[in-house]
Amino acid sequence: SQPGKHAMLAAPRLMFLYPELYESCQRLAGISGLDAP
């Protein structure tokens, strides 16, 4: 499970394809507020 974002991947190394892997958990945390269908 990708940290914070929880995308389900076969291996941790694949998470580094996501540009905001670390930023989403810190600087960009919470930016969307309530976001549900």
PDB file of all heavy atoms in Angstrom:
ATOM      1  N   SER A   1       0.835  -1.190   0.000  1.00  0.00           N
ATOM      2  CA  SER A   1       0.000   0.000   0.000  1.00  0.00           C
ATOM      3  C   SER A   1       0.877   1.249   0.000  1.00  0.00           C
ATOM      4  O   SER A   1       1.713   1.430   0.893  1.00  0.00           O
ATOM      5  CB  SER A   1      -0.905  -0.017   1.234  1.00  0.00           C
ATOM      6  OG  SER A   1      -1.648   1.162   1.347  1.00  0.00           O
ATOM      7  N   GLN A   2       0.703   2.121  -1.004  1.00  0.00           N
ATOM      8  CA  GLN A   2       1.500   3.343  -1.074  1.00  0.00           C
ATOM      9  C   GLN A   2       1.263   4.191   0.174  1.00  0.00           C
ATOM     10  O   GLN A   2       0.115   4.448   0.536  1.00  0.00           O
ATOM     11  CB  GLN A   2       1.118   4.148  -2.319  1.00  0.00           C
ATOM     12  CG  GLN A   2       1.908   5.436  -2.463  1.00  0.00           C
ATOM     13  CD  GLN A   2       1.466   6.243  -3.660  1.00  0.00           C
ATOM     14  OE1 GLN A   2       1.024   5.690  -4.659  1.00  0.00           O
ATOM     15  NE2 GLN A   2       1.584   7.560  -3.579  1.00  0.00           N
ATOM     16  N   PRO A   3       2.309   4.641   0.830  1.00  0.00           N
ATOM     17  CA  PRO A   3       2.158   5.442   2.052  1.00  0.00           C
ATOM     18  C   PRO A   3       1.192   6.613   1.859  1.00  0.00           C
ATOM     19  O   PRO A   3       1.320   7.386   0.904  1.00  0.00           O
ATOM     20  CB  PRO A   3       3.583   5.936   2.330  1.00  0.00           C
ATOM     21  CG  PRO A   3       4.454   4.880   1.738  1.00  0.00           C
ATOM     22  CD  PRO A   3       3.739   4.441   0.495  1.00  0.00           C
ATOM     23  N   GLY A   4       0.217   6.714   2.745  1.00  0.00           N
ATOM     24  CA  GLY A   4      -0.720   7.819   2.716  1.00  0.00           C
ATOM     25  C   GLY A   4      -1.783   7.721   1.649  1.00  0.00           C
ATOM     26  O   GLY A   4      -2.960   7.929   1.908  1.00  0.00           O
ATOM     27  N   LYS A   5      -1.388   7.381   0.407  1.00  0.00           N
ATOM     28  CA  LYS A   5      -2.314   7.370  -0.733  1.00  0.00           C
ATOM     29  C   LYS A   5      -2.990   6.014  -0.931  1.00  0.00           C
ATOM     30  O   LYS A   5      -4.046   5.920  -1.521  1.00  0.00           O
ATOM     31  CB  LYS A   5      -1.570   7.754  -2.017  1.00  0.00           C
ATOM     32  CG  LYS A   5      -0.984   9.164  -2.016  1.00  0.00           C
ATOM     33  CD  LYS A   5      -2.060  10.225  -2.039  1.00  0.00           C
ATOM     34  CE  LYS A   5      -2.826  10.222  -3.357  1.00  0.00           C
ATOM     35  NZ  LYS A   5      -3.915  11.246  -3.340  1.00  0.00           N
ATOM     36  N   HIS A   6      -2.324   4.939  -0.509  1.00  0.00           N
ATOM     37  CA  HIS A   6      -2.878   3.582  -0.449  1.00  0.00           C
ATOM     38  C   HIS A   6      -3.095   2.882  -1.783  1.00  0.00           C
ATOM     39  O   HIS A   6      -3.785   1.867  -1.835  1.00  0.00           O
ATOM     40  CB  HIS A   6      -4.182   3.578   0.365  1.00  0.00           C
ATOM     41  CG  HIS A   6      -4.047   4.309   1.658  1.00  0.00           C
ATOM     42  ND1 HIS A   6      -4.909   5.294   2.058  1.00  0.00           N
ATOM     43  CD2 HIS A   6      -3.092   4.231   2.614  1.00  0.00           C
ATOM     44  CE1 HIS A   6      -4.526   5.792   3.223  1.00  0.00           C
ATOM     45  NE2 HIS A   6      -3.424   5.174   3.584  1.00  0.00           N
ATOM     46  N   ALA A   7      -2.530   3.394  -2.887  1.00  0.00           N
ATOM     47  CA  ALA A   7      -2.555   2.639  -4.134  1.00  0.00           C
ATOM     48  C   ALA A   7      -1.959   1.258  -3.862  1.00  0.00           C
ATOM     49  O   ALA A   7      -0.996   1.132  -3.099  1.00  0.00           O
ATOM     50  CB  ALA A   7      -1.746   3.356  -5.209  1.00  0.00           C
ATOM     51  N   MET A   8      -2.531   0.221  -4.463  1.00  0.00           N
ATOM     52  CA  MET A   8      -2.117  -1.150  -4.204  1.00  0.00           C
ATOM     53  C   MET A   8      -1.168  -1.643  -5.292  1.00  0.00           C
ATOM     54  O   MET A   8      -1.552  -1.763  -6.458  1.00  0.00           O
ATOM     55  CB  MET A   8      -3.344  -2.057  -4.111  1.00  0.00           C
ATOM     56  CG  MET A   8      -4.265  -1.732  -2.944  1.00  0.00           C
ATOM     57  SD  MET A   8      -3.459  -2.067  -1.344  1.00  0.00           S
ATOM     58  CE  MET A   8      -4.833  -1.733  -0.216  1.00  0.00           C
ATOM     59  N   LEU A   9       0.080  -1.930  -4.902  1.00  0.00           N
ATOM     60  CA  LEU A   9       1.125  -2.246  -5.873  1.00  0.00           C
ATOM     61  C   LEU A   9       1.839  -3.550  -5.547  1.00  0.00           C
ATOM     62  O   LEU A   9       1.889  -3.984  -4.391  1.00  0.00           O
ATOM     63  CB  LEU A   9       2.131  -1.099  -5.922  1.00  0.00           C
ATOM     64  CG  LEU A   9       1.560   0.224  -6.468  1.00  0.00           C
ATOM     65  CD1 LEU A   9       2.392   1.402  -6.002  1.00  0.00           C
ATOM     66  CD2 LEU A   9       1.489   0.166  -7.977  1.00  0.00           C
ATOM     67  N   ALA A  10       2.422  -4.132  -6.573  1.00  0.00           N
ATOM     68  CA  ALA A  10       3.078  -5.430  -6.425  1.00  0.00           C
ATOM     69  C   ALA A  10       4.421  -5.350  -5.718  1.00  0.00           C
ATOM     70  O   ALA A  10       4.904  -6.340  -5.180  1.00  0.00           O
ATOM     71  CB  ALA A  10       3.264  -6.071  -7.802  1.00  0.00           C
ATOM     72  N   ALA A  11       5.043  -4.158  -5.714  1.00  0.00           N
ATOM     73  CA  ALA A  11       6.363  -4.008  -5.099  1.00  0.00           C
ATOM     74  C   ALA A  11       6.578  -2.552  -4.696  1.00  0.00           C
ATOM     75  O   ALA A  11       6.143  -1.638  -5.409  1.00  0.00           O
ATOM     76  CB  ALA A  11       7.455  -4.445  -6.077  1.00  0.00           C
ATOM     77  N   PRO A  12       7.256  -2.305  -3.572  1.00  0.00           N
ATOM     78  CA  PRO A  12       7.494  -0.930  -3.122  1.00  0.00           C
ATOM     79  C   PRO A  12       8.219  -0.069  -4.146  1.00  0.00           C
ATOM     80  O   PRO A  12       7.970   1.132  -4.228  1.00  0.00           O
ATOM     81  CB  PRO A  12       8.333  -1.122  -1.858  1.00  0.00           C
ATOM     82  CG  PRO A  12       7.922  -2.463  -1.339  1.00  0.00           C
ATOM     83  CD  PRO A  12       7.721  -3.290  -2.580  1.00  0.00           C
ATOM     84  N   ARG A  13       9.104  -0.645  -4.942  1.00  0.00           N
ATOM     85  CA  ARG A  13       9.876   0.159  -5.891  1.00  0.00           C
ATOM     86  C   ARG A  13       8.977   0.855  -6.913  1.00  0.00           C
ATOM     87  O   ARG A  13       9.338   1.910  -7.446  1.00  0.00           O
ATOM     88  CB  ARG A  13      10.915  -0.709  -6.598  1.00  0.00           C
ATOM     89  CG  ARG A  13      10.367  -1.764  -7.533  1.00  0.00           C
ATOM     90  CD  ARG A  13      11.488  -2.587  -8.154  1.00  0.00           C
ATOM     91  NE  ARG A  13      11.012  -3.583  -9.108  1.00  0.00           N
ATOM     92  CZ  ARG A  13      10.621  -4.803  -8.780  1.00  0.00           C
ATOM     93  NH1 ARG A  13      10.642  -5.185  -7.505  1.00  0.00           N
ATOM     94  NH2 ARG A  13      10.214  -5.658  -9.701  1.00  0.00           N
ATOM     95  N   LEU A  14       7.806   0.280  -7.181  1.00  0.00           N
ATOM     96  CA  LEU A  14       6.895   0.887  -8.141  1.00  0.00           C
ATOM     97  C   LEU A  14       6.323   2.198  -7.630  1.00  0.00           C
ATOM     98  O   LEU A  14       5.868   3.037  -8.413  1.00  0.00           O
ATOM     99  CB  LEU A  14       5.758  -0.084  -8.466  1.00  0.00           C
ATOM    100  CG  LEU A  14       6.166  -1.415  -9.105  1.00  0.00           C
ATOM    101  CD1 LEU A  14       4.947  -2.304  -9.291  1.00  0.00           C
ATOM    102  CD2 LEU A  14       6.858  -1.172 -10.445  1.00  0.00           C
ATOM    103  N   MET A  15       6.350   2.404  -6.330  1.00  0.00           N
ATOM    104  CA  MET A  15       5.798   3.635  -5.755  1.00  0.00           C
ATOM    105  C   MET A  15       6.588   4.857  -6.183  1.00  0.00           C
ATOM    106  O   MET A  15       6.044   5.970  -6.207  1.00  0.00           O
ATOM    107  CB  MET A  15       5.768   3.529  -4.229  1.00  0.00           C
ATOM    108  CG  MET A  15       4.854   2.434  -3.730  1.00  0.00           C
ATOM    109  SD  MET A  15       4.963   2.198  -1.949  1.00  0.00           S
ATOM    110  CE  MET A  15       4.016   0.668  -1.776  1.00  0.00           C
ATOM    111  N   PHE A  16       7.843   4.685  -6.515  1.00  0.00           N
ATOM    112  CA  PHE A  16       8.677   5.819  -6.899  1.00  0.00           C
ATOM    113  C   PHE A  16       8.324   6.363  -8.284  1.00  0.00           C
ATOM    114  O   PHE A  16       8.832   7.410  -8.687  1.00  0.00           O
ATOM    115  CB  PHE A  16      10.154   5.431  -6.823  1.00  0.00           C
ATOM    116  CG  PHE A  16      10.632   5.256  -5.403  1.00  0.00           C
ATOM    117  CD1 PHE A  16      10.623   4.001  -4.810  1.00  0.00           C
ATOM    118  CD2 PHE A  16      11.055   6.346  -4.655  1.00  0.00           C
ATOM    119  CE1 PHE A  16      11.039   3.834  -3.490  1.00  0.00           C
ATOM    120  CE2 PHE A  16      11.475   6.187  -3.339  1.00  0.00           C
ATOM    121  CZ  PHE A  16      11.467   4.929  -2.752  1.00  0.00           C
ATOM    122  N   LEU A  17       7.421   5.693  -8.991  1.00  0.00           N
ATOM    123  CA  LEU A  17       6.919   6.225 -10.250  1.00  0.00           C
ATOM    124  C   LEU A  17       5.971   7.391 -10.002  1.00  0.00           C
ATOM    125  O   LEU A  17       5.718   8.196 -10.904  1.00  0.00           O
ATOM    126  CB  LEU A  17       6.175   5.124 -11.027  1.00  0.00           C
ATOM    127  CG  LEU A  17       7.032   3.956 -11.535  1.00  0.00           C
ATOM    128  CD1 LEU A  17       6.133   2.874 -12.104  1.00  0.00           C
ATOM    129  CD2 LEU A  17       8.021   4.438 -12.593  1.00  0.00           C
ATOM    130  N   TYR A  18       5.453   7.487  -8.792  1.00  0.00           N
ATOM    131  CA  TYR A  18       4.507   8.549  -8.446  1.00  0.00           C
ATOM    132  C   TYR A  18       5.287   9.801  -8.058  1.00  0.00           C
ATOM    133  O   TYR A  18       6.038   9.788  -7.078  1.00  0.00           O
ATOM    134  CB  TYR A  18       3.622   8.088  -7.289  1.00  0.00           C
ATOM    135  CG  TYR A  18       2.456   9.003  -6.994  1.00  0.00           C
ATOM    136  CD1 TYR A  18       1.393   9.113  -7.885  1.00  0.00           C
ATOM    137  CD2 TYR A  18       2.411   9.753  -5.822  1.00  0.00           C
ATOM    138  CE1 TYR A  18       0.320   9.940  -7.619  1.00  0.00           C
ATOM    139  CE2 TYR A  18       1.333  10.590  -5.548  1.00  0.00           C
ATOM    140  CZ  TYR A  18       0.295  10.670  -6.454  1.00  0.00           C
ATOM    141  OH  TYR A  18      -0.777  11.493  -6.186  1.00  0.00           O
ATOM    142  N   PRO A  19       5.159  10.900  -8.811  1.00  0.00           N
ATOM    143  CA  PRO A  19       6.006  12.084  -8.591  1.00  0.00           C
ATOM    144  C   PRO A  19       5.917  12.698  -7.203  1.00  0.00           C
ATOM    145  O   PRO A  19       6.888  13.278  -6.729  1.00  0.00           O
ATOM    146  CB  PRO A  19       5.504  13.075  -9.662  1.00  0.00           C
ATOM    147  CG  PRO A  19       4.879  12.221 -10.705  1.00  0.00           C
ATOM    148  CD  PRO A  19       4.268  11.071  -9.964  1.00  0.00           C
ATOM    149  N   GLU A  20       4.747  12.582  -6.558  1.00  0.00           N
ATOM    150  CA  GLU A  20       4.552  13.236  -5.266  1.00  0.00           C
ATOM    151  C   GLU A  20       4.524  12.225  -4.117  1.00  0.00           C
ATOM    152  O   GLU A  20       3.814  12.403  -3.125  1.00  0.00           O
ATOM    153  CB  GLU A  20       3.263  14.060  -5.301  1.00  0.00           C
ATOM    154  CG  GLU A  20       3.335  15.191  -6.332  1.00  0.00           C
ATOM    155  CD  GLU A  20       2.000  15.863  -6.576  1.00  0.00           C
ATOM    156  OE1 GLU A  20       0.963  15.318  -6.129  1.00  0.00           O
ATOM    157  OE2 GLU A  20       1.978  16.929  -7.213  1.00  0.00           O
ATOM    158  N   LEU A  21       5.321  11.184  -4.246  1.00  0.00           N
ATOM    159  CA  LEU A  21       5.346  10.119  -3.243  1.00  0.00           C
ATOM    160  C   LEU A  21       5.529  10.663  -1.833  1.00  0.00           C
ATOM    161  O   LEU A  21       4.788  10.303  -0.909  1.00  0.00           O
ATOM    162  CB  LEU A  21       6.470   9.127  -3.572  1.00  0.00           C
ATOM    163  CG  LEU A  21       6.692   7.991  -2.572  1.00  0.00           C
ATOM    164  CD1 LEU A  21       5.458   7.121  -2.431  1.00  0.00           C
ATOM    165  CD2 LEU A  21       7.888   7.138  -3.006  1.00  0.00           C
ATOM    166  N   TYR A  22       6.490  11.546  -1.640  1.00  0.00           N
ATOM    167  CA  TYR A  22       6.746  12.122  -0.316  1.00  0.00           C
ATOM    168  C   TYR A  22       5.956  13.406  -0.103  1.00  0.00           C
ATOM    169  O   TYR A  22       5.438  13.650   0.987  1.00  0.00           O
ATOM    170  CB  TYR A  22       8.243  12.397  -0.140  1.00  0.00           C
ATOM    171  CG  TYR A  22       9.066  11.141   0.017  1.00  0.00           C
ATOM    172  CD1 TYR A  22       9.710  10.556  -1.078  1.00  0.00           C
ATOM    173  CD2 TYR A  22       9.200  10.523   1.260  1.00  0.00           C
ATOM    174  CE1 TYR A  22      10.461   9.394  -0.934  1.00  0.00           C
ATOM    175  CE2 TYR A  22       9.946   9.363   1.417  1.00  0.00           C
ATOM    176  CZ  TYR A  22      10.576   8.807   0.315  1.00  0.00           C
ATOM    177  OH  TYR A  22      11.308   7.654   0.447  1.00  0.00           O
ATOM    178  N   GLU A  23       5.858  14.240  -1.132  1.00  0.00           N
ATOM    179  CA  GLU A  23       5.181  15.530  -0.993  1.00  0.00           C
ATOM    180  C   GLU A  23       3.714  15.377  -0.613  1.00  0.00           C
ATOM    181  O   GLU A  23       3.163  16.193   0.132  1.00  0.00           O
ATOM    182  CB  GLU A  23       5.302  16.323  -2.295  1.00  0.00           C
ATOM    183  CG  GLU A  23       6.723  16.770  -2.619  1.00  0.00           C
ATOM    184  CD  GLU A  23       7.273  17.721  -1.572  1.00  0.00           C
ATOM    185  OE1 GLU A  23       6.619  18.736  -1.284  1.00  0.00           O
ATOM    186  OE2 GLU A  23       8.359  17.433  -1.047  1.00  0.00           O
ATOM    187  N   SER A  24       3.056  14.339  -1.137  1.00  0.00           N
ATOM    188  CA  SER A  24       1.641  14.151  -0.835  1.00  0.00           C
ATOM    189  C   SER A  24       1.402  13.886   0.646  1.00  0.00           C
ATOM    190  O   SER A  24       0.327  14.190   1.172  1.00  0.00           O
ATOM    191  CB  SER A  24       1.068  12.992  -1.660  1.00  0.00           C
ATOM    192  OG  SER A  24       1.710  11.769  -1.332  1.00  0.00           O
ATOM    193  N   CYS A  25       2.405  13.361   1.313  1.00  0.00           N
ATOM    194  CA  CYS A  25       2.278  13.028   2.737  1.00  0.00           C
ATOM    195  C   CYS A  25       2.674  14.176   3.651  1.00  0.00           C
ATOM    196  O   CYS A  25       2.511  14.080   4.876  1.00  0.00           O
ATOM    197  CB  CYS A  25       3.134  11.813   3.068  1.00  0.00           C
ATOM    198  SG  CYS A  25       2.603  10.303   2.221  1.00  0.00           S
ATOM    199  N   GLN A  26       3.195  15.253   3.077  1.00  0.00           N
ATOM    200  CA  GLN A  26       3.663  16.377   3.893  1.00  0.00           C
ATOM    201  C   GLN A  26       3.101  17.698   3.355  1.00  0.00           C
ATOM    202  O   GLN A  26       2.027  18.137   3.748  1.00  0.00           O
ATOM    203  CB  GLN A  26       5.192  16.394   3.899  1.00  0.00           C
ATOM    204  CG  GLN A  26       5.806  15.104   4.468  1.00  0.00           C
ATOM    205  CD  GLN A  26       7.265  14.957   4.128  1.00  0.00           C
ATOM    206  OE1 GLN A  26       8.122  15.628   4.696  1.00  0.00           O
ATOM    207  NE2 GLN A  26       7.588  14.076   3.185  1.00  0.00           N
ATOM    208  N   ARG A  27       3.798  18.342   2.445  1.00  0.00           N
ATOM    209  CA  ARG A  27       3.396  19.653   1.951  1.00  0.00           C
ATOM    210  C   ARG A  27       2.003  19.655   1.338  1.00  0.00           C
ATOM    211  O   ARG A  27       1.248  20.631   1.468  1.00  0.00           O
ATOM    212  CB  ARG A  27       4.419  20.137   0.913  1.00  0.00           C
ATOM    213  CG  ARG A  27       4.103  21.490   0.288  1.00  0.00           C
ATOM    214  CD  ARG A  27       5.223  21.939  -0.644  1.00  0.00           C
ATOM    215  NE  ARG A  27       5.431  21.019  -1.741  1.00  0.00           N
ATOM    216  CZ  ARG A  27       4.773  21.077  -2.900  1.00  0.00           C
ATOM    217  NH1 ARG A  27       3.852  22.016  -3.093  1.00  0.00           N
ATOM    218  NH2 ARG A  27       5.032  20.213  -3.871  1.00  0.00           N
ATOM    219  N   LEU A  28       1.621  18.567   0.682  1.00  0.00           N
ATOM    220  CA  LEU A  28       0.343  18.513  -0.024  1.00  0.00           C
ATOM    221  C   LEU A  28      -0.723  17.723   0.737  1.00  0.00           C
ATOM    222  O   LEU A  28      -1.782  17.401   0.186  1.00  0.00           O
ATOM    223  CB  LEU A  28       0.546  17.900  -1.413  1.00  0.00           C
ATOM    224  CG  LEU A  28       1.527  18.661  -2.319  1.00  0.00           C
ATOM    225  CD1 LEU A  28       1.734  17.915  -3.623  1.00  0.00           C
ATOM    226  CD2 LEU A  28       1.022  20.074  -2.587  1.00  0.00           C
ATOM    227  N   ALA A  29      -0.458  17.423   1.983  1.00  0.00           N
ATOM    228  CA  ALA A  29      -1.427  16.669   2.780  1.00  0.00           C
ATOM    229  C   ALA A  29      -2.727  17.443   2.939  1.00  0.00           C
ATOM    230  O   ALA A  29      -2.723  18.645   3.177  1.00  0.00           O
ATOM    231  CB  ALA A  29      -0.842  16.352   4.152  1.00  0.00           C
ATOM    232  N   GLY A  30      -3.843  16.758   2.769  1.00  0.00           N
ATOM    233  CA  GLY A  30      -5.153  17.336   3.035  1.00  0.00           C
ATOM    234  C   GLY A  30      -5.713  18.248   1.971  1.00  0.00           C
ATOM    235  O   GLY A  30      -6.841  18.745   2.120  1.00  0.00           O
ATOM    236  N   ILE A  31      -5.001  18.487   0.874  1.00  0.00           N
ATOM    237  CA  ILE A  31      -5.369  19.571  -0.058  1.00  0.00           C
ATOM    238  C   ILE A  31      -6.766  19.453  -0.661  1.00  0.00           C
ATOM    239  O   ILE A  31      -7.347  20.459  -1.058  1.00  0.00           O
ATOM    240  CB  ILE A  31      -4.343  19.701  -1.199  1.00  0.00           C
ATOM    241  CG1 ILE A  31      -4.235  18.395  -1.998  1.00  0.00           C
ATOM    242  CG2 ILE A  31      -2.996  20.138  -0.670  1.00  0.00           C
ATOM    243  CD1 ILE A  31      -3.412  18.539  -3.260  1.00  0.00           C
ATOM    244  N   SER A  32      -7.334  18.254  -0.730  1.00  0.00           N
ATOM    245  CA  SER A  32      -8.636  18.087  -1.383  1.00  0.00           C
ATOM    246  C   SER A  32      -9.815  18.093  -0.412  1.00  0.00           C
ATOM    247  O   SER A  32     -10.971  18.029  -0.846  1.00  0.00           O
ATOM    248  CB  SER A  32      -8.656  16.793  -2.209  1.00  0.00           C
ATOM    249  OG  SER A  32      -7.678  16.850  -3.231  1.00  0.00           O
ATOM    250  N   GLY A  33      -9.538  18.138   0.888  1.00  0.00           N
ATOM    251  CA  GLY A  33     -10.634  18.169   1.855  1.00  0.00           C
ATOM    252  C   GLY A  33     -11.530  16.950   1.740  1.00  0.00           C
ATOM    253  O   GLY A  33     -11.057  15.824   1.655  1.00  0.00           O
ATOM    254  N   LEU A  34     -12.848  17.167   1.743  1.00  0.00           N
ATOM    255  CA  LEU A  34     -13.796  16.070   1.521  1.00  0.00           C
ATOM    256  C   LEU A  34     -13.868  15.802   0.030  1.00  0.00           C
ATOM    257  O   LEU A  34     -14.243  16.668  -0.756  1.00  0.00           O
ATOM    258  CB  LEU A  34     -15.175  16.442   2.061  1.00  0.00           C
ATOM    259  CG  LEU A  34     -16.321  15.474   1.709  1.00  0.00           C
ATOM    260  CD1 LEU A  34     -16.042  14.069   2.222  1.00  0.00           C
ATOM    261  CD2 LEU A  34     -17.644  15.997   2.254  1.00  0.00           C
ATOM    262  N   ASP A  35     -13.502  14.593  -0.372  1.00  0.00           N
ATOM    263  CA  ASP A  35     -13.481  14.243  -1.796  1.00  0.00           C
ATOM    264  C   ASP A  35     -13.998  12.814  -1.944  1.00  0.00           C
ATOM    265  O   ASP A  35     -13.241  11.854  -1.856  1.00  0.00           O
ATOM    266  CB  ASP A  35     -12.064  14.375  -2.361  1.00  0.00           C
ATOM    267  CG  ASP A  35     -12.024  14.175  -3.864  1.00  0.00           C
ATOM    268  OD1 ASP A  35     -13.095  14.148  -4.488  1.00  0.00           O
ATOM    269  OD2 ASP A  35     -10.913  14.038  -4.416  1.00  0.00           O
ATOM    270  N   ALA A  36     -15.307  12.701  -2.143  1.00  0.00           N
ATOM    271  CA  ALA A  36     -15.945  11.392  -2.270  1.00  0.00           C
ATOM    272  C   ALA A  36     -16.945  11.430  -3.415  1.00  0.00           C
ATOM    273  O   ALA A  36     -17.462  12.495  -3.759  1.00  0.00           O
ATOM    274  CB  ALA A  36     -16.657  11.022  -0.965  1.00  0.00           C
ATOM    275  N   PRO A  37     -17.243  10.294  -4.034  1.00  0.00           N
ATOM    276  CA  PRO A  37     -18.234  10.256  -5.109  1.00  0.00           C
ATOM    277  C   PRO A  37     -19.599  10.755  -4.633  1.00  0.00           C
ATOM    278  O   PRO A  37     -19.980  10.551  -3.474  1.00  0.00           O
ATOM    279  CB  PRO A  37     -18.292   8.762  -5.471  1.00  0.00           C
ATOM    280  CG  PRO A  37     -16.939   8.233  -5.073  1.00  0.00           C
ATOM    281  CD  PRO A  37     -16.602   8.980  -3.814  1.00  0.00           C
TER     282      PRO A  37
END
